[in-house]
Amino acid sequence: MNTESRNPRSYGLDKMTAEQIVRLMNEEEYVVMQVLQSVEADLARCAEKVAETFQNGGRIIYVGSGTSGRIAAMDAAEMPPTFGLEPGVFIALVSEGPEGVAGAPDSAEEDEHAAVVALNQLRVDRNDIVIGLTASGRTPFAVAAVRHAHQKGVWTCGIANNRNSKLLRLVDLPILLDTGPEVLTGSTRLKAGTALKLALNRISTAAMVLSGKVIENLMVDVKPVNQKHRERCARIVRDLTTATLDEAYDLLEKNEWNVRKVLGILRPELVATTR
């Protein structure tokens, strides 16, 4: 496997200075953007499927272990505050548990039965989609989940960093992020993890834009959970209307800090034409 191979550029890693290590890691990361550019069409197709699923009331279920699972949990957790989604639309099934916590047993990623049970507990059906995530492409937890979903007629996507891996052969949409050997051999939290994080950023963000959760480049359904977000809400209203910042604050306070509702008052045509 590429991700387990030794990187010849880092054979002398243990003899390098801190500056040399940082420089080498930076140089190696350049491949991540090249890989993402090579799979733009696949990422776009996945985003379109996620958008379609969301708009039809289905759920997007990520499945992963270790670094992949934690990255999935991060992406799913960001969806409610960023786009105003209800919890449970984007779900991360992580073999180590809901938080993917440090200290969880490594053997959890080998529990195929747990993956099947987790999907059954969610009552996954054809309205949902399942996206399996594993750098190796062979982690039993993710592979078993995707196989089970596929058998139930659920659309599946797989994202892995090794060519011809088991996961990629099972899914409807395989996405290969061929980032090559890591600077620290086998540590897929490095290039492989970075590539996965950026891939999920693109998939979920594009899906929400396609679903009308964004006007121009502004997140009009952001949840005002803190002062920073309330300030953002006011700037969004100011930027999209003729209201001053003070007027935006006043209108938002009177309308439960609902940006879309305030825009409907000030510029109904803008909201009406949103996808």
Protein backbone atom coordinates (compact mmCIF):
# COMPACT_ATOMS: atom_id res chain seq x y z
CA MET A 1 0.00 0.00 0.00
CA ASN A 2 1.24 3.46 -0.88
CA THR A 3 0.26 4.84 2.50
CA GLU A 4 2.37 2.21 4.28
CA SER A 5 5.40 2.50 1.98
CA ARG A 6 8.51 4.34 3.07
CA ASN A 7 9.07 7.78 1.59
CA PRO A 8 12.68 7.94 0.28
CA ARG A 9 12.77 11.69 0.91
CA SER A 10 12.44 11.14 4.65
CA TYR A 11 14.79 8.20 5.25
CA GLY A 12 16.94 10.54 7.38
CA LEU A 13 14.02 12.10 9.25
CA ASP A 14 15.48 11.28 12.65
CA LYS A 15 18.65 13.24 11.82
CA MET A 16 16.93 16.38 10.54
CA THR A 17 16.58 19.67 12.37
CA ALA A 18 13.12 20.99 13.21
CA GLU A 19 13.35 23.46 10.32
CA GLN A 20 14.31 20.72 7.88
CA ILE A 21 11.41 18.54 9.04
CA VAL A 22 8.93 21.38 8.63
CA ARG A 23 10.29 22.26 5.18
CA LEU A 24 10.10 18.65 4.01
CA MET A 25 6.54 18.28 5.27
CA ASN A 26 5.54 21.50 3.52
CA GLU A 27 7.09 20.31 0.27
CA GLU A 28 5.32 16.96 0.52
CA GLU A 29 1.94 18.64 1.09
CA TYR A 30 2.04 20.16 -2.41
CA VAL A 31 0.87 16.81 -3.74
CA VAL A 32 -2.41 17.16 -1.83
CA MET A 33 -3.70 20.01 -4.00
CA GLN A 34 -2.58 18.23 -7.16
CA VAL A 35 -4.52 15.14 -6.10
CA LEU A 36 -7.64 17.16 -5.30
CA GLN A 37 -7.46 18.87 -8.69
CA SER A 38 -7.26 15.46 -10.38
CA VAL A 39 -10.55 14.33 -8.78
CA GLU A 40 -12.56 17.54 -9.12
CA ALA A 41 -15.20 15.85 -11.28
CA ASP A 42 -15.68 13.05 -8.74
CA LEU A 43 -15.90 15.46 -5.81
CA ALA A 44 -18.47 17.50 -7.73
CA ARG A 45 -20.52 14.40 -8.50
CA CYS A 46 -20.50 13.45 -4.83
CA ALA A 47 -21.51 16.98 -3.85
CA GLU A 48 -24.44 16.84 -6.28
CA LYS A 49 -25.59 13.54 -4.77
CA VAL A 50 -25.29 14.93 -1.25
CA ALA A 51 -27.33 17.98 -2.27
CA GLU A 52 -30.00 15.82 -3.89
CA THR A 53 -30.19 13.60 -0.81
CA PHE A 54 -30.45 16.57 1.55
CA GLN A 55 -33.14 18.27 -0.53
CA ASN A 56 -35.18 15.05 -0.55
CA GLY A 57 -35.03 14.71 3.22
CA GLY A 58 -32.37 12.00 3.38
CA ARG A 59 -29.27 11.76 5.53
CA ILE A 60 -25.58 11.80 4.69
CA ILE A 61 -23.78 9.15 6.73
CA TYR A 62 -20.00 9.17 6.96
CA VAL A 63 -18.31 5.98 8.20
CA GLY A 64 -14.70 5.78 9.32
CA SER A 65 -12.14 4.87 11.94
CA GLY A 66 -9.17 6.65 13.49
CA THR A 67 -8.13 9.81 11.68
CA SER A 68 -10.76 9.29 8.95
CA GLY A 69 -13.51 8.94 11.53
CA ARG A 70 -12.44 12.03 13.46
CA ILE A 71 -12.29 14.11 10.27
CA ALA A 72 -15.77 12.87 9.38
CA ALA A 73 -17.06 13.78 12.84
CA MET A 74 -15.59 17.26 12.47
CA ASP A 75 -17.28 17.86 9.11
CA ALA A 76 -20.66 16.57 10.36
CA ALA A 77 -20.43 18.69 13.51
CA GLU A 78 -19.85 21.87 11.49
CA MET A 79 -23.01 21.54 9.42
CA PRO A 80 -25.64 22.70 11.96
CA PRO A 81 -23.94 25.96 13.04
CA THR A 82 -22.68 26.83 9.56
CA PHE A 83 -25.76 26.07 7.50
CA GLY A 84 -28.57 25.92 10.07
CA LEU A 85 -29.14 22.18 9.63
CA GLU A 86 -30.81 20.09 12.28
CA PRO A 87 -28.56 17.57 14.02
CA GLY A 88 -28.79 14.15 12.42
CA VAL A 89 -28.74 15.23 8.79
CA PHE A 90 -25.00 14.71 8.51
CA ILE A 91 -23.95 11.78 10.68
CA ALA A 92 -20.50 10.37 11.43
CA LEU A 93 -20.33 6.72 12.43
CA VAL A 94 -16.91 6.33 14.04
CA SER A 95 -15.74 2.89 15.12
CA GLU A 96 -14.13 4.28 18.28
CA GLY A 97 -17.43 5.82 19.43
CA PRO A 98 -19.35 9.07 18.91
CA GLU A 99 -16.34 11.27 19.65
CA GLY A 100 -13.65 9.07 18.11
CA VAL A 101 -11.81 9.70 21.36
CA ALA A 102 -8.13 9.17 21.95
CA GLY A 103 -7.55 6.04 23.96
CA ALA A 104 -10.30 4.03 22.26
CA PRO A 105 -9.20 0.50 21.38
CA ASP A 106 -7.52 0.19 17.98
CA SER A 107 -9.35 -3.11 17.51
CA ALA A 108 -12.63 -1.20 17.11
CA GLU A 109 -11.82 -0.57 13.45
CA GLU A 110 -11.89 -4.33 12.84
CA ASP A 111 -15.44 -4.81 14.18
CA GLU A 112 -17.50 -5.44 11.05
CA HIS A 113 -20.55 -6.46 13.08
CA ALA A 114 -20.57 -3.11 14.90
CA ALA A 115 -20.71 -1.26 11.57
CA VAL A 116 -23.74 -3.24 10.43
CA VAL A 117 -25.46 -2.78 13.79
CA ALA A 118 -24.82 0.97 13.73
CA LEU A 119 -26.40 1.35 10.29
CA ASN A 120 -29.37 -0.80 11.27
CA GLN A 121 -29.91 1.29 14.40
CA LEU A 122 -30.10 4.36 12.15
CA ARG A 123 -32.63 2.52 9.99
CA VAL A 124 -30.69 3.51 6.92
CA ASP A 125 -32.71 3.28 3.72
CA ARG A 126 -32.59 4.33 0.07
CA ASN A 127 -33.34 7.95 0.96
CA ASP A 128 -29.91 8.12 2.64
CA ILE A 129 -26.37 7.85 1.29
CA VAL A 130 -23.31 6.30 2.93
CA ILE A 131 -19.77 7.60 2.41
CA GLY A 132 -17.00 5.26 3.55
CA LEU A 133 -13.68 6.80 4.55
CA THR A 134 -10.44 4.88 5.02
CA ALA A 135 -6.92 5.81 3.95
CA SER A 136 -5.95 2.18 3.45
CA GLY A 137 -9.19 1.40 1.65
CA ARG A 138 -9.53 -1.83 3.57
CA THR A 139 -10.49 -0.92 7.17
CA PRO A 140 -13.09 -3.59 8.10
CA PHE A 141 -15.49 -1.19 9.89
CA ALA A 142 -15.83 1.15 6.90
CA VAL A 143 -15.82 -1.62 4.30
CA ALA A 144 -18.50 -3.62 6.14
CA ALA A 145 -20.71 -0.53 6.48
CA VAL A 146 -20.47 0.28 2.79
CA ARG A 147 -21.09 -3.33 1.80
CA HIS A 148 -24.18 -3.52 4.03
CA ALA A 149 -25.52 -0.21 2.71
CA HIS A 150 -24.95 -1.32 -0.88
CA GLN A 151 -26.85 -4.56 -0.22
CA LYS A 152 -29.79 -2.48 1.03
CA GLY A 153 -29.83 -0.47 -2.20
CA VAL A 154 -28.31 2.63 -0.61
CA TRP A 155 -26.08 4.81 -2.81
CA THR A 156 -22.48 4.66 -1.64
CA CYS A 157 -19.27 6.60 -2.10
CA GLY A 158 -15.81 5.59 -0.94
CA ILE A 159 -12.78 7.82 -0.38
CA ALA A 160 -9.41 6.12 0.04
CA ASN A 161 -5.72 6.75 -0.59
CA ASN A 162 -4.72 3.39 -2.09
CA ARG A 163 -5.48 2.34 -5.65
CA ASN A 164 -7.61 -0.79 -6.28
CA SER A 165 -8.50 -1.07 -2.59
CA LYS A 166 -11.46 -3.08 -1.38
CA LEU A 167 -13.52 -0.03 -0.48
CA LEU A 168 -13.15 1.55 -3.91
CA ARG A 169 -14.25 -1.67 -5.63
CA LEU A 170 -17.47 -1.84 -3.59
CA VAL A 171 -18.98 1.62 -4.01
CA ASP A 172 -21.05 3.44 -6.61
CA LEU A 173 -18.61 6.35 -6.65
CA PRO A 174 -14.96 5.59 -5.83
CA ILE A 175 -12.69 8.57 -5.13
CA LEU A 176 -8.95 7.88 -5.01
CA LEU A 177 -6.82 10.44 -3.21
CA ASP A 178 -3.41 9.11 -4.23
CA THR A 179 -1.21 11.14 -1.88
CA GLY A 180 1.60 8.58 -1.76
CA PRO A 181 3.91 7.61 1.12
CA GLU A 182 3.92 9.79 4.22
CA VAL A 183 6.94 11.61 5.62
CA LEU A 184 6.39 9.59 8.78
CA THR A 185 5.76 6.10 7.43
CA GLY A 186 2.15 4.99 7.82
CA SER A 187 1.03 8.17 9.62
CA THR A 188 -2.03 8.91 7.50
CA ARG A 189 -3.01 11.84 9.68
CA LEU A 190 -0.51 13.74 7.50
CA LYS A 191 -1.01 14.00 3.71
CA ALA A 192 -3.83 11.46 3.55
CA GLY A 193 -5.68 13.15 6.41
CA THR A 194 -5.19 16.61 4.95
CA ALA A 195 -6.51 15.45 1.57
CA LEU A 196 -9.58 13.85 3.19
CA LYS A 197 -10.36 16.98 5.23
CA LEU A 198 -10.16 19.15 2.13
CA ALA A 199 -12.23 16.68 0.10
CA LEU A 200 -15.04 16.69 2.67
CA ASN A 201 -14.86 20.50 2.86
CA ARG A 202 -15.50 20.65 -0.87
CA ILE A 203 -18.25 18.03 -0.90
CA SER A 204 -20.33 19.37 1.98
CA THR A 205 -19.84 23.06 1.15
CA ALA A 206 -20.70 22.64 -2.54
CA ALA A 207 -23.74 20.54 -1.58
CA MET A 208 -25.07 23.26 0.70
CA VAL A 209 -24.48 25.96 -1.93
CA LEU A 210 -26.43 23.85 -4.44
CA SER A 211 -29.18 23.45 -1.82
CA GLY A 212 -29.73 27.20 -1.44
CA LYS A 213 -28.06 27.60 1.95
CA VAL A 214 -25.85 30.38 0.55
CA ILE A 215 -26.69 33.71 -1.09
CA GLU A 216 -23.79 35.16 -3.07
CA ASN A 217 -20.99 33.86 -0.84
CA LEU A 218 -22.75 34.39 2.46
CA MET A 219 -24.05 31.69 4.82
CA VAL A 220 -27.54 33.08 5.34
CA ASP A 221 -28.69 30.23 7.59
CA VAL A 222 -25.84 30.50 10.08
CA LYS A 223 -26.95 29.90 13.67
CA PRO A 224 -26.29 32.86 16.01
CA VAL A 225 -24.89 30.70 18.81
CA ASN A 226 -22.40 33.32 20.04
CA GLN A 227 -21.46 36.98 19.69
CA LYS A 228 -19.11 36.29 16.76
CA HIS A 229 -21.95 34.66 14.82
CA ARG A 230 -24.40 37.44 15.70
CA GLU A 231 -21.93 39.97 14.35
CA ARG A 232 -21.67 37.88 11.19
CA CYS A 233 -25.46 37.81 10.86
CA ALA A 234 -25.59 41.60 11.08
CA ARG A 235 -22.87 42.00 8.44
CA ILE A 236 -24.71 39.62 6.12
CA VAL A 237 -27.91 41.69 6.39
CA ARG A 238 -25.93 44.91 5.88
CA ASP A 239 -24.09 43.54 2.83
CA LEU A 240 -27.21 42.17 1.11
CA THR A 241 -29.55 45.09 1.80
CA THR A 242 -29.55 48.87 2.23
CA ALA A 243 -29.70 48.54 6.02
CA THR A 244 -26.95 50.00 8.17
CA LEU A 245 -25.19 47.78 10.67
CA ASP A 246 -27.24 49.27 13.53
CA GLU A 247 -30.48 48.74 11.60
CA ALA A 248 -29.43 45.17 10.86
CA TYR A 249 -28.85 44.49 14.56
CA ASP A 250 -32.24 45.97 15.44
CA LEU A 251 -34.11 43.92 12.84
CA LEU A 252 -32.32 40.72 13.77
CA GLU A 253 -33.07 41.18 17.48
CA LYS A 254 -36.74 41.62 16.59
CA ASN A 255 -36.72 38.50 14.41
CA GLU A 256 -34.90 35.95 16.59
CA TRP A 257 -31.63 36.53 14.73
CA ASN A 258 -33.04 34.80 11.67
CA VAL A 259 -31.09 36.23 8.74
CA ARG A 260 -33.31 34.67 6.09
CA LYS A 261 -36.43 36.13 7.73
CA VAL A 262 -34.92 39.62 7.84
CA LEU A 263 -33.84 39.34 4.21
CA GLY A 264 -37.39 38.34 3.37
CA ILE A 265 -38.57 41.64 4.88
CA LEU A 266 -35.95 43.85 3.25
CA ARG A 267 -35.37 42.03 -0.04
CA PRO A 268 -38.05 39.41 -0.61
CA GLU A 269 -37.01 38.99 -4.23
CA LEU A 270 -33.55 37.86 -3.10
CA VAL A 271 -34.89 35.09 -0.88
CA ALA A 272 -37.52 34.06 -3.42
CA THR A 273 -34.91 33.44 -6.10
CA THR A 274 -32.63 31.39 -3.85
CA ARG A 275 -32.30 27.79 -4.97
